[in-house]
Amino acid sequence: MLSQPLNIDYVDPSPHPNLPDVPANARPDGSELDNNRKAINEAVTLANRMLDKMMLVVLKPTDSIHEHLISAAFGPSANIGKIKENVLAMRSATIRARDVLVDHMNEDHMR
């Protein structure tokens, strides 16, 4: 049985406190935010599919194909227990997401 899927928690979209105030007419409109969230949700779906595949490999590490995949990715002395632990941690994580106004950021705000 696989663990719970990776999730996204959309954080309050209020402006970042370290960014200058952005006029309301310069903020992304609802359709742009919807497109951003759609892209994030599609990426999460893909990440969950990939994590499912990783989990199947670490659950049966002695399968000849899985041995080859693990060795190619982590080397011949891979620590299966640690790999499994990391896959489980990623699989059950929640990523916090905020709508960021990248167009209005400058180098001083990126530090």
N, C-alpha and C. Protein backbone atom coordinates (compact mmCIF):
# COMPACT_ATOMS: atom_id res chain seq x y z
N MET A 1 0.85 -1.19 0.00
CA MET A 1 0.00 0.00 0.00
C MET A 1 0.89 1.24 0.00
N LEU A 2 0.55 2.22 -0.81
CA LEU A 2 1.32 3.44 -0.91
C LEU A 2 0.82 4.46 0.10
N SER A 3 1.70 5.37 0.47
CA SER A 3 1.36 6.40 1.43
C SER A 3 0.45 7.46 0.79
N GLN A 4 0.06 8.42 1.60
CA GLN A 4 -0.76 9.52 1.12
C GLN A 4 0.01 10.29 0.05
N PRO A 5 -0.69 10.92 -0.88
CA PRO A 5 -0.01 11.66 -1.95
C PRO A 5 0.58 12.97 -1.46
N LEU A 6 1.52 13.45 -2.24
CA LEU A 6 2.08 14.78 -2.08
C LEU A 6 0.94 15.77 -2.27
N ASN A 7 0.86 16.78 -1.45
CA ASN A 7 -0.23 17.75 -1.53
C ASN A 7 0.31 19.17 -1.65
N ILE A 8 -0.55 20.06 -2.08
CA ILE A 8 -0.25 21.49 -2.15
C ILE A 8 -1.19 22.21 -1.20
N ASP A 9 -0.63 23.12 -0.42
CA ASP A 9 -1.40 23.98 0.47
C ASP A 9 -1.22 25.40 -0.04
N TYR A 10 -2.27 25.96 -0.65
CA TYR A 10 -2.17 27.32 -1.16
C TYR A 10 -2.26 28.30 -0.01
N VAL A 11 -1.21 29.07 0.17
CA VAL A 11 -1.11 30.03 1.26
C VAL A 11 -1.83 31.30 0.88
N ASP A 12 -2.27 32.04 1.88
CA ASP A 12 -2.91 33.34 1.66
C ASP A 12 -2.12 34.13 0.62
N PRO A 13 -2.75 34.55 -0.47
CA PRO A 13 -2.02 35.21 -1.55
C PRO A 13 -1.69 36.68 -1.29
N SER A 14 -1.78 37.12 -0.03
CA SER A 14 -1.44 38.51 0.25
C SER A 14 0.02 38.77 -0.11
N PRO A 15 0.38 39.99 -0.41
CA PRO A 15 1.74 40.29 -0.85
C PRO A 15 2.78 39.89 0.19
N HIS A 16 3.94 39.53 -0.30
CA HIS A 16 5.05 39.20 0.58
C HIS A 16 5.45 40.47 1.32
N PRO A 17 5.72 40.40 2.63
CA PRO A 17 6.03 41.61 3.38
C PRO A 17 7.30 42.33 2.91
N ASN A 18 8.20 41.65 2.24
CA ASN A 18 9.43 42.28 1.80
C ASN A 18 9.35 42.84 0.38
N LEU A 19 8.19 42.72 -0.24
CA LEU A 19 8.03 43.26 -1.59
C LEU A 19 7.34 44.61 -1.52
N PRO A 20 7.65 45.49 -2.46
CA PRO A 20 6.96 46.79 -2.46
C PRO A 20 5.48 46.59 -2.77
N ASP A 21 4.68 47.54 -2.35
CA ASP A 21 3.26 47.46 -2.67
C ASP A 21 3.09 47.48 -4.18
N VAL A 22 2.20 46.64 -4.65
CA VAL A 22 1.94 46.54 -6.08
C VAL A 22 0.51 47.02 -6.32
N PRO A 23 0.33 47.97 -7.21
CA PRO A 23 -1.03 48.44 -7.47
C PRO A 23 -1.95 47.30 -7.89
N ALA A 24 -3.19 47.38 -7.49
CA ALA A 24 -4.14 46.31 -7.78
C ALA A 24 -4.21 45.99 -9.27
N ASN A 25 -4.09 47.01 -10.14
CA ASN A 25 -4.18 46.75 -11.57
C ASN A 25 -2.94 46.06 -12.13
N ALA A 26 -1.86 45.95 -11.33
CA ALA A 26 -0.65 45.27 -11.78
C ALA A 26 -0.59 43.83 -11.28
N ARG A 27 -1.52 43.47 -10.44
CA ARG A 27 -1.54 42.10 -9.90
C ARG A 27 -2.13 41.15 -10.95
N PRO A 28 -1.74 39.87 -10.88
CA PRO A 28 -2.31 38.91 -11.83
C PRO A 28 -3.83 38.84 -11.66
N ASP A 29 -4.54 38.69 -12.76
CA ASP A 29 -5.98 38.56 -12.66
C ASP A 29 -6.35 37.12 -12.32
N GLY A 30 -7.61 36.90 -12.10
CA GLY A 30 -8.07 35.57 -11.69
C GLY A 30 -7.70 34.47 -12.67
N SER A 31 -7.77 34.75 -13.98
CA SER A 31 -7.45 33.70 -14.95
C SER A 31 -5.97 33.35 -14.91
N GLU A 32 -5.09 34.33 -14.68
CA GLU A 32 -3.66 34.06 -14.59
C GLU A 32 -3.36 33.20 -13.35
N LEU A 33 -4.03 33.55 -12.23
CA LEU A 33 -3.85 32.75 -11.01
C LEU A 33 -4.37 31.34 -11.22
N ASP A 34 -5.52 31.21 -11.90
CA ASP A 34 -6.07 29.89 -12.18
C ASP A 34 -5.10 29.07 -13.03
N ASN A 35 -4.49 29.71 -14.05
CA ASN A 35 -3.52 29.01 -14.89
C ASN A 35 -2.29 28.59 -14.09
N ASN A 36 -1.83 29.46 -13.19
CA ASN A 36 -0.69 29.11 -12.34
C ASN A 36 -1.02 27.89 -11.47
N ARG A 37 -2.18 27.91 -10.86
CA ARG A 37 -2.56 26.80 -9.98
C ARG A 37 -2.79 25.52 -10.78
N LYS A 38 -3.33 25.67 -11.99
CA LYS A 38 -3.52 24.49 -12.84
C LYS A 38 -2.16 23.86 -13.15
N ALA A 39 -1.17 24.69 -13.49
CA ALA A 39 0.17 24.17 -13.78
C ALA A 39 0.78 23.49 -12.56
N ILE A 40 0.59 24.08 -11.39
CA ILE A 40 1.11 23.48 -10.16
C ILE A 40 0.42 22.14 -9.91
N ASN A 41 -0.89 22.11 -10.05
CA ASN A 41 -1.64 20.86 -9.83
C ASN A 41 -1.21 19.77 -10.81
N GLU A 42 -0.95 20.14 -12.06
CA GLU A 42 -0.48 19.16 -13.04
C GLU A 42 0.90 18.64 -12.64
N ALA A 43 1.76 19.52 -12.14
CA ALA A 43 3.09 19.10 -11.71
C ALA A 43 3.00 18.16 -10.50
N VAL A 44 2.07 18.43 -9.59
CA VAL A 44 1.89 17.56 -8.43
C VAL A 44 1.39 16.19 -8.86
N THR A 45 0.49 16.15 -9.83
CA THR A 45 0.01 14.87 -10.35
C THR A 45 1.16 14.06 -10.94
N LEU A 46 2.01 14.72 -11.72
CA LEU A 46 3.17 14.04 -12.30
C LEU A 46 4.13 13.59 -11.20
N ALA A 47 4.38 14.45 -10.22
CA ALA A 47 5.28 14.09 -9.11
C ALA A 47 4.75 12.87 -8.37
N ASN A 48 3.45 12.81 -8.13
CA ASN A 48 2.87 11.67 -7.44
C ASN A 48 3.01 10.38 -8.26
N ARG A 49 2.86 10.50 -9.58
CA ARG A 49 3.05 9.32 -10.44
C ARG A 49 4.49 8.81 -10.34
N MET A 50 5.44 9.75 -10.39
CA MET A 50 6.85 9.38 -10.32
C MET A 50 7.19 8.80 -8.95
N LEU A 51 6.62 9.38 -7.89
CA LEU A 51 6.86 8.86 -6.54
C LEU A 51 6.26 7.46 -6.37
N ASP A 52 5.11 7.21 -6.99
CA ASP A 52 4.53 5.86 -6.97
C ASP A 52 5.50 4.86 -7.59
N LYS A 53 6.09 5.24 -8.72
CA LYS A 53 7.04 4.35 -9.40
C LYS A 53 8.28 4.13 -8.54
N MET A 54 8.77 5.20 -7.91
CA MET A 54 9.93 5.06 -7.02
C MET A 54 9.61 4.13 -5.87
N MET A 55 8.41 4.26 -5.33
CA MET A 55 8.01 3.42 -4.19
C MET A 55 7.96 1.95 -4.59
N LEU A 56 7.42 1.67 -5.77
CA LEU A 56 7.36 0.28 -6.23
C LEU A 56 8.77 -0.30 -6.37
N VAL A 57 9.71 0.51 -6.81
CA VAL A 57 11.09 0.04 -6.96
C VAL A 57 11.71 -0.27 -5.60
N VAL A 58 11.54 0.63 -4.63
CA VAL A 58 12.18 0.39 -3.33
C VAL A 58 11.47 -0.68 -2.51
N LEU A 59 10.21 -0.98 -2.85
CA LEU A 59 9.51 -2.06 -2.14
C LEU A 59 10.00 -3.44 -2.60
N LYS A 60 10.52 -3.53 -3.83
CA LYS A 60 11.05 -4.78 -4.37
C LYS A 60 12.44 -4.54 -4.95
N PRO A 61 13.40 -4.16 -4.09
CA PRO A 61 14.72 -3.77 -4.59
C PRO A 61 15.53 -4.91 -5.19
N THR A 62 15.15 -6.17 -4.92
CA THR A 62 15.93 -7.29 -5.46
C THR A 62 15.45 -7.75 -6.82
N ASP A 63 14.35 -7.20 -7.31
CA ASP A 63 13.91 -7.49 -8.67
C ASP A 63 15.04 -7.05 -9.60
N SER A 64 15.36 -7.86 -10.62
CA SER A 64 16.52 -7.57 -11.46
C SER A 64 16.46 -6.19 -12.14
N ILE A 65 15.29 -5.80 -12.60
CA ILE A 65 15.15 -4.48 -13.22
C ILE A 65 15.32 -3.39 -12.18
N HIS A 66 14.72 -3.61 -11.00
CA HIS A 66 14.82 -2.61 -9.94
C HIS A 66 16.26 -2.47 -9.45
N GLU A 67 16.98 -3.61 -9.34
CA GLU A 67 18.39 -3.56 -8.93
C GLU A 67 19.18 -2.67 -9.90
N HIS A 68 18.93 -2.83 -11.17
CA HIS A 68 19.63 -2.04 -12.18
C HIS A 68 19.29 -0.56 -12.03
N LEU A 69 18.00 -0.23 -11.86
CA LEU A 69 17.58 1.16 -11.71
C LEU A 69 18.20 1.80 -10.47
N ILE A 70 18.19 1.06 -9.36
CA ILE A 70 18.74 1.59 -8.11
C ILE A 70 20.25 1.80 -8.24
N SER A 71 20.93 0.83 -8.82
CA SER A 71 22.38 0.94 -8.99
C SER A 71 22.73 2.11 -9.91
N ALA A 72 21.97 2.28 -10.98
CA ALA A 72 22.23 3.38 -11.92
C ALA A 72 22.00 4.74 -11.25
N ALA A 73 21.00 4.82 -10.40
CA ALA A 73 20.67 6.10 -9.78
C ALA A 73 21.52 6.41 -8.55
N PHE A 74 21.84 5.37 -7.75
CA PHE A 74 22.48 5.60 -6.45
C PHE A 74 23.81 4.90 -6.26
N GLY A 75 24.22 4.13 -7.24
CA GLY A 75 25.49 3.40 -7.12
C GLY A 75 25.28 2.00 -6.57
N PRO A 76 26.32 1.16 -6.64
CA PRO A 76 26.18 -0.25 -6.25
C PRO A 76 25.98 -0.47 -4.75
N SER A 77 26.31 0.50 -3.93
CA SER A 77 26.17 0.34 -2.47
C SER A 77 25.03 1.18 -1.93
N ALA A 78 23.97 1.30 -2.67
CA ALA A 78 22.83 2.14 -2.28
C ALA A 78 22.21 1.66 -0.97
N ASN A 79 21.85 2.60 -0.14
CA ASN A 79 21.17 2.31 1.13
C ASN A 79 19.66 2.34 0.87
N ILE A 80 19.10 1.16 0.62
CA ILE A 80 17.68 1.04 0.25
C ILE A 80 16.78 1.61 1.34
N GLY A 81 17.13 1.36 2.59
CA GLY A 81 16.32 1.86 3.71
C GLY A 81 16.23 3.38 3.69
N LYS A 82 17.36 4.03 3.46
CA LYS A 82 17.39 5.50 3.43
C LYS A 82 16.63 6.02 2.21
N ILE A 83 16.80 5.35 1.07
CA ILE A 83 16.09 5.76 -0.14
C ILE A 83 14.58 5.65 0.08
N LYS A 84 14.16 4.54 0.66
CA LYS A 84 12.73 4.33 0.94
C LYS A 84 12.22 5.40 1.91
N GLU A 85 13.00 5.71 2.93
CA GLU A 85 12.63 6.73 3.90
C GLU A 85 12.43 8.09 3.20
N ASN A 86 13.34 8.43 2.30
CA ASN A 86 13.24 9.70 1.57
C ASN A 86 12.04 9.73 0.62
N VAL A 87 11.78 8.61 -0.05
CA VAL A 87 10.63 8.55 -0.96
C VAL A 87 9.34 8.69 -0.15
N LEU A 88 9.26 8.03 0.98
CA LEU A 88 8.07 8.15 1.85
C LEU A 88 7.90 9.58 2.34
N ALA A 89 9.00 10.23 2.70
CA ALA A 89 8.92 11.61 3.17
C ALA A 89 8.41 12.53 2.06
N MET A 90 8.92 12.34 0.85
CA MET A 90 8.45 13.17 -0.27
C MET A 90 6.99 12.86 -0.58
N ARG A 91 6.63 11.60 -0.49
CA ARG A 91 5.28 11.16 -0.85
C ARG A 91 4.23 11.71 0.10
N SER A 92 4.60 11.96 1.34
CA SER A 92 3.61 12.41 2.32
C SER A 92 3.75 13.90 2.64
N ALA A 93 4.54 14.61 1.87
CA ALA A 93 4.78 16.03 2.14
C ALA A 93 3.63 16.91 1.65
N THR A 94 3.57 18.08 2.24
CA THR A 94 2.67 19.12 1.76
C THR A 94 3.53 20.32 1.41
N ILE A 95 3.41 20.78 0.20
CA ILE A 95 4.16 21.93 -0.26
C ILE A 95 3.29 23.16 -0.13
N ARG A 96 3.83 24.17 0.52
CA ARG A 96 3.09 25.43 0.65
C ARG A 96 3.36 26.28 -0.59
N ALA A 97 2.31 26.76 -1.22
CA ALA A 97 2.46 27.55 -2.44
C ALA A 97 1.77 28.90 -2.25
N ARG A 98 2.40 29.90 -2.79
CA ARG A 98 1.85 31.26 -2.74
C ARG A 98 1.96 31.85 -4.14
N ASP A 99 1.00 32.63 -4.53
CA ASP A 99 1.08 33.32 -5.82
C ASP A 99 2.10 34.44 -5.66
N VAL A 100 3.18 34.37 -6.42
CA VAL A 100 4.25 35.36 -6.31
C VAL A 100 4.22 36.28 -7.50
N LEU A 101 4.42 37.54 -7.25
CA LEU A 101 4.41 38.54 -8.30
C LEU A 101 5.84 38.74 -8.78
N VAL A 102 6.36 37.78 -9.52
CA VAL A 102 7.76 37.77 -9.94
C VAL A 102 8.11 39.00 -10.77
N ASP A 103 7.21 39.47 -11.59
CA ASP A 103 7.50 40.63 -12.44
C ASP A 103 7.85 41.86 -11.62
N HIS A 104 7.44 41.91 -10.39
CA HIS A 104 7.64 43.10 -9.57
C HIS A 104 8.79 42.95 -8.58
N MET A 105 9.53 41.85 -8.69
CA MET A 105 10.65 41.63 -7.78
C MET A 105 11.93 42.17 -8.41
N ASN A 106 12.83 42.65 -7.58
CA ASN A 106 14.13 43.02 -8.10
C ASN A 106 15.19 42.27 -7.33
N GLU A 107 16.45 42.45 -7.68
CA GLU A 107 17.52 41.67 -7.08
C GLU A 107 17.60 41.84 -5.57
N ASP A 108 17.28 43.03 -5.06
CA ASP A 108 17.34 43.26 -3.61
C ASP A 108 16.35 42.38 -2.87
N HIS A 109 15.22 42.07 -3.50
CA HIS A 109 14.20 41.25 -2.86
C HIS A 109 14.49 39.76 -3.01
N MET A 110 15.43 39.41 -3.87
CA MET A 110 15.74 38.00 -4.09
C MET A 110 16.75 37.48 -3.07
N ARG A 111 17.36 38.34 -2.28
CA ARG A 111 18.38 37.93 -1.32
C ARG A 111 17.80 37.50 -0.02
